[in-house]
Protein backbone atom coordinates (compact mmCIF):
# COMPACT_ATOMS: atom_id res chain seq x y z
CA MET A 1 1.48 -6.42 31.95
CA ARG A 2 -0.44 -5.67 28.80
CA MET A 3 -2.22 -8.69 27.36
CA PRO A 4 -2.30 -9.18 23.55
CA PRO A 5 -5.77 -8.79 21.98
CA SER A 6 -7.72 -11.98 21.37
CA PHE A 7 -8.75 -10.81 17.89
CA ARG A 8 -6.27 -9.25 15.52
CA VAL A 9 -6.67 -8.17 11.90
CA ARG A 10 -3.56 -8.61 9.81
CA PHE A 11 -2.01 -5.55 8.23
CA VAL A 12 -2.36 -7.03 4.73
CA SER A 13 -6.10 -7.46 5.32
CA LYS A 14 -6.42 -3.86 6.49
CA LEU A 15 -4.53 -2.62 3.44
CA PHE A 16 -6.57 -4.79 1.10
CA ILE A 17 -9.92 -3.71 2.56
CA SER A 18 -8.98 -0.03 2.76
CA HIS A 19 -7.73 0.13 -0.83
CA LEU A 20 -10.67 -1.91 -2.08
CA LEU A 21 -13.12 0.41 -0.34
CA ALA A 22 -11.26 3.48 -1.55
CA VAL A 23 -11.20 2.36 -5.17
CA PHE A 24 -14.75 1.04 -4.94
CA LEU A 25 -16.05 4.29 -3.48
CA ILE A 26 -14.18 6.36 -6.03
CA SER A 27 -15.21 4.22 -8.96
CA GLY A 28 -18.74 3.92 -7.59
CA SER A 29 -19.14 7.66 -7.08
CA VAL A 30 -17.57 8.48 -10.44
CA GLY A 31 -19.55 5.73 -12.14
CA THR A 32 -22.77 6.88 -10.51
CA PHE A 33 -22.09 10.45 -11.58
CA PHE A 34 -21.45 9.46 -15.18
CA TYR A 35 -24.37 7.03 -15.14
CA VAL A 36 -26.76 9.73 -13.96
CA ARG A 37 -25.33 12.13 -16.50
CA ALA A 38 -25.59 9.52 -19.22
CA MET A 39 -29.19 8.74 -18.28
CA ASP A 40 -30.01 12.42 -18.30
CA ASN A 41 -28.23 12.90 -21.61
CA LEU A 42 -30.03 9.91 -23.11
CA THR A 43 -33.38 11.23 -21.97
CA ARG A 44 -32.54 14.65 -23.32
CA SER A 45 -31.34 13.09 -26.56
CA LEU A 46 -34.57 11.09 -26.98
CA ARG A 47 -36.73 14.10 -26.21
CA SER A 48 -34.68 16.31 -28.53
CA ARG A 49 -34.87 13.66 -31.25
CA LEU A 50 -38.63 13.38 -30.94
CA GLN A 51 -39.05 17.13 -30.89
CA ASN A 52 -36.82 17.68 -33.93
CA SER A 53 -38.40 14.79 -35.84
CA ALA A 54 -41.85 16.20 -35.18
CA ALA A 55 -40.74 19.68 -36.24
CA LEU A 56 -39.21 18.28 -39.45
CA LEU A 57 -42.27 16.17 -40.25
CA SER A 58 -44.61 19.07 -39.65
CA GLN A 59 -42.99 20.95 -42.52
CA SER A 60 -43.93 18.20 -44.99
CA ILE A 61 -47.67 18.25 -44.24
CA ASP A 62 -49.88 21.20 -45.24
CA ALA A 63 -52.79 21.73 -42.86
CA ARG A 64 -54.92 23.16 -45.69
CA GLU A 65 -54.99 19.74 -47.39
CA LEU A 66 -56.55 18.24 -44.25
CA GLU A 67 -59.45 20.65 -43.80
CA ALA A 68 -61.84 18.37 -45.64
CA ILE A 69 -61.09 15.38 -43.41
CA ARG A 70 -63.63 15.56 -40.60
CA SER A 71 -65.07 12.11 -39.95
CA GLU A 72 -64.71 8.42 -40.69
CA ALA A 73 -66.63 8.96 -43.92
CA ASP A 74 -63.77 11.06 -45.27
CA MET A 75 -61.26 8.19 -45.16
CA GLY A 76 -61.82 7.61 -48.87
CA LEU A 77 -60.65 11.06 -49.86
CA PRO A 78 -57.42 11.18 -51.89
CA ALA A 79 -55.94 13.72 -49.49
CA TYR A 80 -56.51 11.33 -46.59
CA ARG A 81 -55.01 8.33 -48.37
CA GLU A 82 -51.99 10.22 -49.68
CA SER A 83 -51.21 11.88 -46.35
CA LEU A 84 -51.73 8.61 -44.43
CA GLU A 85 -49.49 6.68 -46.81
CA LYS A 86 -46.78 9.33 -46.47
CA MET A 87 -46.92 9.06 -42.67
CA ARG A 88 -46.80 5.26 -42.75
CA ARG A 89 -43.71 5.31 -45.01
CA LEU A 90 -42.02 7.68 -42.61
CA ARG A 91 -42.90 5.43 -39.67
CA ARG A 92 -41.56 2.32 -41.42
CA THR A 93 -38.21 3.99 -42.06
CA ASN A 94 -37.70 4.59 -38.34
CA PRO A 95 -38.21 1.48 -36.22
CA ASP A 96 -38.01 3.49 -32.99
CA ILE A 97 -41.25 5.30 -33.85
CA SER A 98 -44.44 3.48 -32.94
CA PHE A 99 -47.12 5.92 -34.22
CA LEU A 100 -47.43 9.07 -36.28
CA TYR A 101 -50.65 11.07 -36.16
CA VAL A 102 -52.19 14.45 -36.88
CA MET A 103 -54.65 16.10 -34.51
CA ARG A 104 -57.02 19.05 -34.87
CA ARG A 105 -57.99 21.41 -32.09
CA GLU A 106 -61.33 23.17 -32.14
CA GLY A 107 -61.83 25.12 -28.95
CA GLN A 108 -61.36 22.59 -26.13
CA ARG A 109 -62.05 19.63 -28.40
CA ILE A 110 -59.08 17.69 -29.75
CA SER A 111 -59.67 15.01 -32.37
CA PHE A 112 -57.69 12.76 -34.70
CA VAL A 113 -57.25 13.60 -38.37
CA LEU A 114 -54.63 10.99 -39.39
CA ASP A 115 -53.26 7.92 -37.56
CA SER A 116 -50.47 5.72 -38.98
CA ASP A 117 -51.59 2.69 -36.96
CA GLU A 118 -52.17 -0.23 -39.34
CA THR A 119 -54.13 -2.37 -36.86
CA ASP A 120 -57.77 -2.44 -35.91
CA ALA A 121 -57.00 0.01 -33.12
CA GLN A 122 -56.38 2.80 -35.65
CA ALA A 123 -57.92 6.12 -34.61
CA THR A 124 -60.35 7.26 -37.33
CA PRO A 125 -60.82 10.90 -38.37
CA GLY A 126 -62.93 12.88 -35.95
CA ARG A 127 -62.27 10.57 -32.97
CA VAL A 128 -61.93 12.66 -29.84
CA TYR A 129 -58.75 12.45 -27.78
CA ALA A 130 -59.67 13.34 -24.21
CA GLU A 131 -56.28 12.77 -22.51
CA ALA A 132 -54.37 15.77 -23.79
CA ASN A 133 -51.49 16.93 -21.57
CA PRO A 134 -49.92 20.40 -21.33
CA GLN A 135 -47.07 19.47 -23.69
CA MET A 136 -49.55 18.34 -26.36
CA LEU A 137 -51.49 21.58 -26.02
CA LEU A 138 -48.21 23.48 -26.37
CA GLY A 139 -47.47 21.46 -29.51
CA PHE A 140 -50.25 23.26 -31.41
CA HIS A 141 -48.14 26.41 -31.29
CA GLU A 142 -44.48 25.28 -31.06
CA PRO A 143 -42.41 22.10 -31.03
CA ALA A 144 -42.74 20.31 -27.67
CA VAL A 145 -42.06 16.93 -26.12
CA ASP A 146 -43.39 15.07 -23.08
CA THR A 147 -41.33 15.43 -19.94
CA ASP A 148 -42.42 11.99 -18.70
CA LEU A 149 -43.91 8.83 -20.12
CA VAL A 150 -47.62 9.24 -20.95
CA GLU A 151 -50.13 6.39 -20.74
CA ASP A 152 -53.32 6.18 -22.82
CA GLU A 153 -55.49 3.49 -24.38
CA TRP A 154 -52.79 2.66 -26.94
CA GLY A 155 -50.06 2.10 -24.33
CA VAL A 156 -47.26 4.02 -22.61
CA PHE A 157 -45.30 6.44 -24.78
CA LEU A 158 -42.90 9.33 -24.92
CA SER A 159 -44.25 11.74 -27.52
CA GLY A 160 -43.10 14.75 -29.48
CA TYR A 161 -45.33 17.40 -31.07
CA ALA A 162 -45.02 20.20 -33.65
CA PRO A 163 -47.58 22.51 -35.35
CA LEU A 164 -48.34 21.97 -39.05
CA ILE A 165 -47.61 24.69 -41.56
CA HIS A 166 -50.63 26.83 -42.29
CA GLY A 167 -52.30 25.26 -39.29
CA ASP A 168 -52.87 28.53 -37.41
CA GLY A 169 -52.48 26.78 -34.05
CA ARG A 170 -55.20 24.21 -34.82
CA TYR A 171 -53.14 21.29 -36.20
CA LEU A 172 -50.21 19.33 -34.90
CA VAL A 173 -48.28 16.23 -35.84
CA GLY A 174 -47.37 13.79 -33.06
CA ILE A 175 -44.66 11.11 -32.86
CA ASP A 176 -44.94 8.33 -30.28
CA MET A 177 -42.03 6.23 -29.08
CA ARG A 178 -43.11 3.24 -27.03
CA ALA A 179 -42.04 3.13 -23.44
CA ASP A 180 -40.49 -0.29 -23.94
CA GLU A 181 -38.19 1.23 -26.56
CA VAL A 182 -37.26 3.96 -24.12
CA ARG A 183 -36.83 1.38 -21.37
CA ASN A 184 -34.68 -0.79 -23.67
CA LYS A 185 -32.36 2.11 -24.36
CA LEU A 186 -32.23 2.94 -20.66
CA ALA A 187 -31.68 -0.76 -19.86
CA GLU A 188 -28.75 -0.86 -22.30
CA LEU A 189 -27.29 2.13 -20.54
CA ARG A 190 -27.86 0.50 -17.14
CA LEU A 191 -26.23 -2.68 -18.37
CA THR A 192 -23.27 -0.69 -19.62
CA GLY A 193 -23.04 1.10 -16.27
CA LEU A 194 -23.31 -2.19 -14.40
CA LEU A 195 -20.60 -3.78 -16.52
CA SER A 196 -18.35 -0.79 -15.98
CA LEU A 197 -19.01 -1.03 -12.25
CA VAL A 198 -18.16 -4.75 -12.24
CA VAL A 199 -14.97 -4.07 -14.20
CA SER A 200 -14.11 -1.27 -11.76
CA VAL A 201 -14.65 -3.61 -8.80
CA LEU A 202 -12.49 -6.30 -10.41
CA LEU A 203 -9.77 -3.76 -11.14
CA ALA A 204 -10.11 -2.51 -7.56
CA LEU A 205 -9.67 -6.09 -6.30
CA VAL A 206 -6.59 -6.64 -8.46
CA PHE A 207 -5.08 -3.26 -7.55
CA ALA A 208 -5.78 -3.65 -3.83
CA LEU A 209 -4.42 -7.22 -3.82
CA TYR A 210 -1.30 -6.25 -5.75
CA PHE A 211 -0.60 -3.16 -3.68
CA SER A 212 -1.29 -4.77 -0.29
CA ARG A 213 0.76 -7.88 -1.09
CA GLY A 214 3.61 -5.80 -2.44
CA LEU A 215 3.66 -3.63 0.65
CA THR A 216 3.41 -6.52 3.10
CA ARG A 217 6.06 -8.44 1.15
CA ARG A 218 8.49 -5.61 1.82
CA ILE A 219 7.49 -5.51 5.48
CA HIS A 220 8.00 -9.28 5.80
CA ARG A 221 11.39 -8.99 4.11
CA LEU A 222 12.43 -6.27 6.55
CA SER A 223 11.07 -8.29 9.49
CA ALA A 224 13.00 -11.37 8.35
CA GLN A 225 16.21 -9.36 8.12
CA CYS A 226 15.59 -7.97 11.61
CA ASN A 227 15.18 -11.53 12.90
CA GLU A 228 18.45 -12.50 11.20
CA LEU A 229 20.11 -9.55 12.91
CA ALA A 230 18.62 -10.59 16.25
CA LEU A 231 19.99 -14.13 15.76
CA GLY A 232 23.51 -12.78 15.29
CA ASN A 233 23.77 -12.63 11.50
CA PHE A 234 25.25 -9.14 11.39
CA ASP A 235 26.12 -9.42 7.70
CA SER A 236 22.45 -9.49 6.64
CA ARG A 237 21.53 -6.83 4.08
CA ILE A 238 18.39 -5.88 2.14
CA ARG A 239 19.32 -6.09 -1.53
CA ASN A 240 15.99 -5.66 -3.35
CA ARG A 241 14.95 -2.16 -4.38
CA SER A 242 11.36 -0.91 -4.43
CA PHE A 243 12.06 2.66 -5.65
CA ASP A 244 9.94 4.27 -2.94
CA GLU A 245 10.18 5.21 0.74
CA PHE A 246 10.96 1.58 1.60
CA ASP A 247 14.35 2.11 -0.04
CA ASP A 248 15.11 4.71 2.64
CA LEU A 249 14.06 2.25 5.32
CA ALA A 250 16.16 -0.50 3.72
CA ASP A 251 19.17 1.85 3.52
CA ALA A 252 18.72 2.77 7.18
CA PHE A 253 18.57 -0.94 8.09
CA ASN A 254 21.70 -1.69 6.04
CA VAL A 255 23.57 1.18 7.68
CA MET A 256 22.44 -0.01 11.12
CA SER A 257 23.47 -3.58 10.31
CA GLY A 258 26.88 -2.39 9.08
CA LYS A 259 27.41 -0.27 12.19
CA ILE A 260 26.47 -3.19 14.42
CA ALA A 261 28.82 -5.51 12.50
CA ALA A 262 31.68 -2.98 12.80
CA THR A 263 30.96 -2.45 16.49
CA ARG A 264 30.84 -6.20 17.02
CA ALA A 265 34.22 -6.62 15.26
CA GLU A 266 35.72 -3.90 17.43
CA LEU A 267 34.20 -5.52 20.51
CA MET A 268 35.63 -8.92 19.57
CA GLN A 269 39.04 -7.34 19.07
CA ALA A 270 38.75 -5.64 22.45
CA ILE A 271 37.69 -8.93 24.06
CA ALA A 272 40.62 -10.73 22.43
CA ALA A 273 42.99 -8.05 23.69
CA LEU A 274 41.50 -8.33 27.15
CA GLU A 275 41.83 -12.12 27.04
CA LYS A 276 45.45 -11.79 26.02
CA ALA A 277 46.15 -9.21 28.72
CA ARG A 278 44.38 -11.38 31.27
CA GLY A 279 46.48 -14.39 30.22
CA GLU A 280 49.67 -12.37 30.51
CA LEU A 281 48.55 -10.99 33.86
CA GLU A 282 47.66 -14.43 35.13
CA SER A 283 51.04 -15.70 33.96
CA ARG A 284 52.82 -12.86 35.70
CA VAL A 285 50.73 -13.32 38.84
CA ALA A 286 51.52 -17.03 38.77
CA GLU A 287 55.21 -16.27 38.36
CA ARG A 288 55.13 -13.75 41.15
CA THR A 289 53.15 -16.12 43.30
CA ARG A 290 55.69 -18.86 42.66
CA GLU A 291 58.56 -16.52 43.48
CA LEU A 292 56.74 -15.34 46.58
CA GLN A 293 56.10 -18.91 47.63
CA GLU A 294 59.75 -19.73 47.13
CA SER A 295 60.69 -16.70 49.19
CA ILE A 296 58.24 -17.78 51.86
CA ASP A 297 59.68 -21.28 51.75
CA ARG A 298 63.16 -19.88 52.08
CA MET A 299 62.10 -17.68 54.92
CA GLU A 300 60.53 -20.66 56.62
CA VAL A 301 63.80 -22.49 56.27
CA MET A 302 65.75 -19.53 57.56
CA ARG A 303 63.35 -19.01 60.44
CA GLY A 304 63.60 -22.46 62.02
CA LEU A 305 66.40 -24.15 63.99
CA LEU A 306 69.41 -24.62 61.76
CA PRO A 307 71.87 -27.38 62.67
CA ILE A 308 75.32 -25.81 62.36
CA CYS A 309 78.70 -27.36 62.94
CA ALA A 310 80.36 -25.92 66.02
CA SER A 311 83.74 -26.19 64.37
CA CYS A 312 83.50 -25.52 60.60
CA LYS A 313 80.16 -23.72 60.75
CA LYS A 314 78.54 -25.91 58.00
CA ILE A 315 74.74 -26.14 58.05
CA ARG A 316 72.74 -29.31 57.58
CA ASP A 317 69.72 -29.04 55.20
CA ASP A 318 66.47 -31.03 55.27
CA GLN A 319 68.00 -33.82 53.20
CA GLY A 320 70.83 -34.27 55.68
CA TYR A 321 73.56 -32.70 53.57
CA TRP A 322 76.09 -30.38 55.19
CA LYS A 323 76.65 -27.23 53.23
CA GLN A 324 78.86 -24.24 53.59
CA LEU A 325 77.17 -21.41 55.43
CA GLU A 326 77.39 -19.02 52.48
CA HIS A 327 76.10 -21.65 50.05
CA PHE A 328 73.11 -22.47 52.24
CA ILE A 329 72.19 -18.85 52.68
CA SER A 330 72.51 -18.20 48.93
CA GLU A 331 70.08 -21.06 48.18
CA HIS A 332 67.45 -19.82 50.59
CA SER A 333 67.70 -16.07 50.16
CA GLU A 334 68.60 -13.39 47.68
CA ALA A 335 71.93 -12.77 49.40
CA ARG A 336 75.18 -13.25 47.50
CA PHE A 337 78.62 -13.54 49.05
CA SER A 338 81.95 -12.01 48.10
CA HIS A 339 85.09 -13.22 49.87
CA SER A 340 87.30 -10.94 51.95
CA ILE A 341 89.21 -11.11 55.26
CA CYS A 342 88.66 -9.23 58.46
CA PRO A 343 91.52 -7.44 60.25
CA ASP A 344 91.58 -9.89 63.15
CA CYS A 345 91.89 -12.87 60.85
CA ALA A 346 94.47 -11.08 58.78
CA VAL A 347 96.64 -10.56 61.88
CA ARG A 348 96.02 -14.05 63.04
CA LEU A 349 96.83 -15.63 59.71
CA TYR A 350 99.25 -13.24 58.17
CA GLY A 351 100.76 -11.50 61.22
CA LYS A 352 104.39 -12.03 60.18
CA VAL A 353 103.76 -10.59 56.76
CA PHE A 354 102.20 -7.50 58.23
CA ASP A 355 105.13 -7.12 60.65
CA GLU A 356 107.70 -7.32 57.84
CA ASP A 357 105.79 -4.75 55.83
CA LYS A 358 105.83 -2.41 58.81
CA ASP A 359 109.65 -2.79 59.19
CA LYS A 360 110.28 -1.99 55.56
CA LYS A 361 108.46 1.32 55.73
CA PRO A 362 110.88 4.28 56.21
CA ARG A 363 110.83 6.05 59.44
CA GLN A 364 110.14 9.73 59.40
C-alpha cells in the first residue's frame, strides 16, 4: 500500500511560486536589459554632450588671441581676462560643468593657458599638465571625450575636448564634468530601475496571487461538487462560468451528474418494479402455498381411516358430524358430484316401470 508523503506542497502554493518566479524572471531580465541599455545610453549621451559642447565652445575661441599668454605674468593681459571671463560665464550657465580650460601643446609638453576655476586651485598660464591621456591628445586634432572617469589633482572627472580654430593642432578646449555629477545621474537611473523592479515584483505578487487563487477556487468548487455527488446529491451542478477551459470541465461534470441522476431515476423505477413484482410473486406463492396446504390437509383427511355408516354410508368428520359421502368428498377434494342412477338400481327401484315400457313397444 502506498503511503502518503509526510510533506506536501499545496497546489495553490506551487501556482503562486511558479507564476511569481516566471513574472519576476521576465520582469527582471527585461528590466535588466533596459537598465543596461539605459545606462549605456546615458553614458553615451553624457559623452556626446561633452564632446559636442567642447566642439561648440572651441569655435568661439580664436587660438591666435592666446599666443601671447605664456606664463603667470601674462594674467594681466586683456586677452587673458576677456577669454577667461567668457569661459566663466559659459561655465556658470551650465551647472553640470565643473571646469572649462584651454591647453597648449608644444612637442610633448602640455600646459594650461586658461582655467575657469575661481578658487585658489586655479591652474595659471604655463602650468604643466603631466597626466594627459590618449583622448586628450586626440582632442588637439578632433573632438574627443574620455571613455572612463579620469582622476587628477583636481578630482575625478569625465572630460570632453575639441581643437581651437586656428590652433593648428596645438590648442584645445576642455570641459570637465565631475564624477559625482555623473554618479548622481547614474544613481537616478539606478533608483528608477530599482523602483521599476519593485513595482514589477509587486505586480508579479498581485498577478500570481490573483491567478493562483482564481484557479484553485475553481478546483475547490469542482471538488466540492464531486463530494456532493459522492454523498448522493445527484442534482448538483456547477453554475459559475470562468470563460476558459474550466467551462469545458464544468460542462463535462454537469453532463456526468445529469447522466448519473437519470440512471439513478431509472434504477429506482426498476427497483420499484422489482419490489412490486416480488410482492405479487410472494402473494401468489402464499396463495399457492395455502391452496397446496389445504390440498395436503384434504389428502391427509382422505388418507386416514374414515368412519362410515354401514347402512347409509355417511362419513363422520373430525368434529363428530355425519355427512353425506358426496358432501364429505367435495369438502376435502376437488371432486364434484352429479346425480344419476345405475342400471341395477334402476331395475331394483323402477323395475315395474321398465317392464311396462317393454310391453308397450311394438313387436317386429
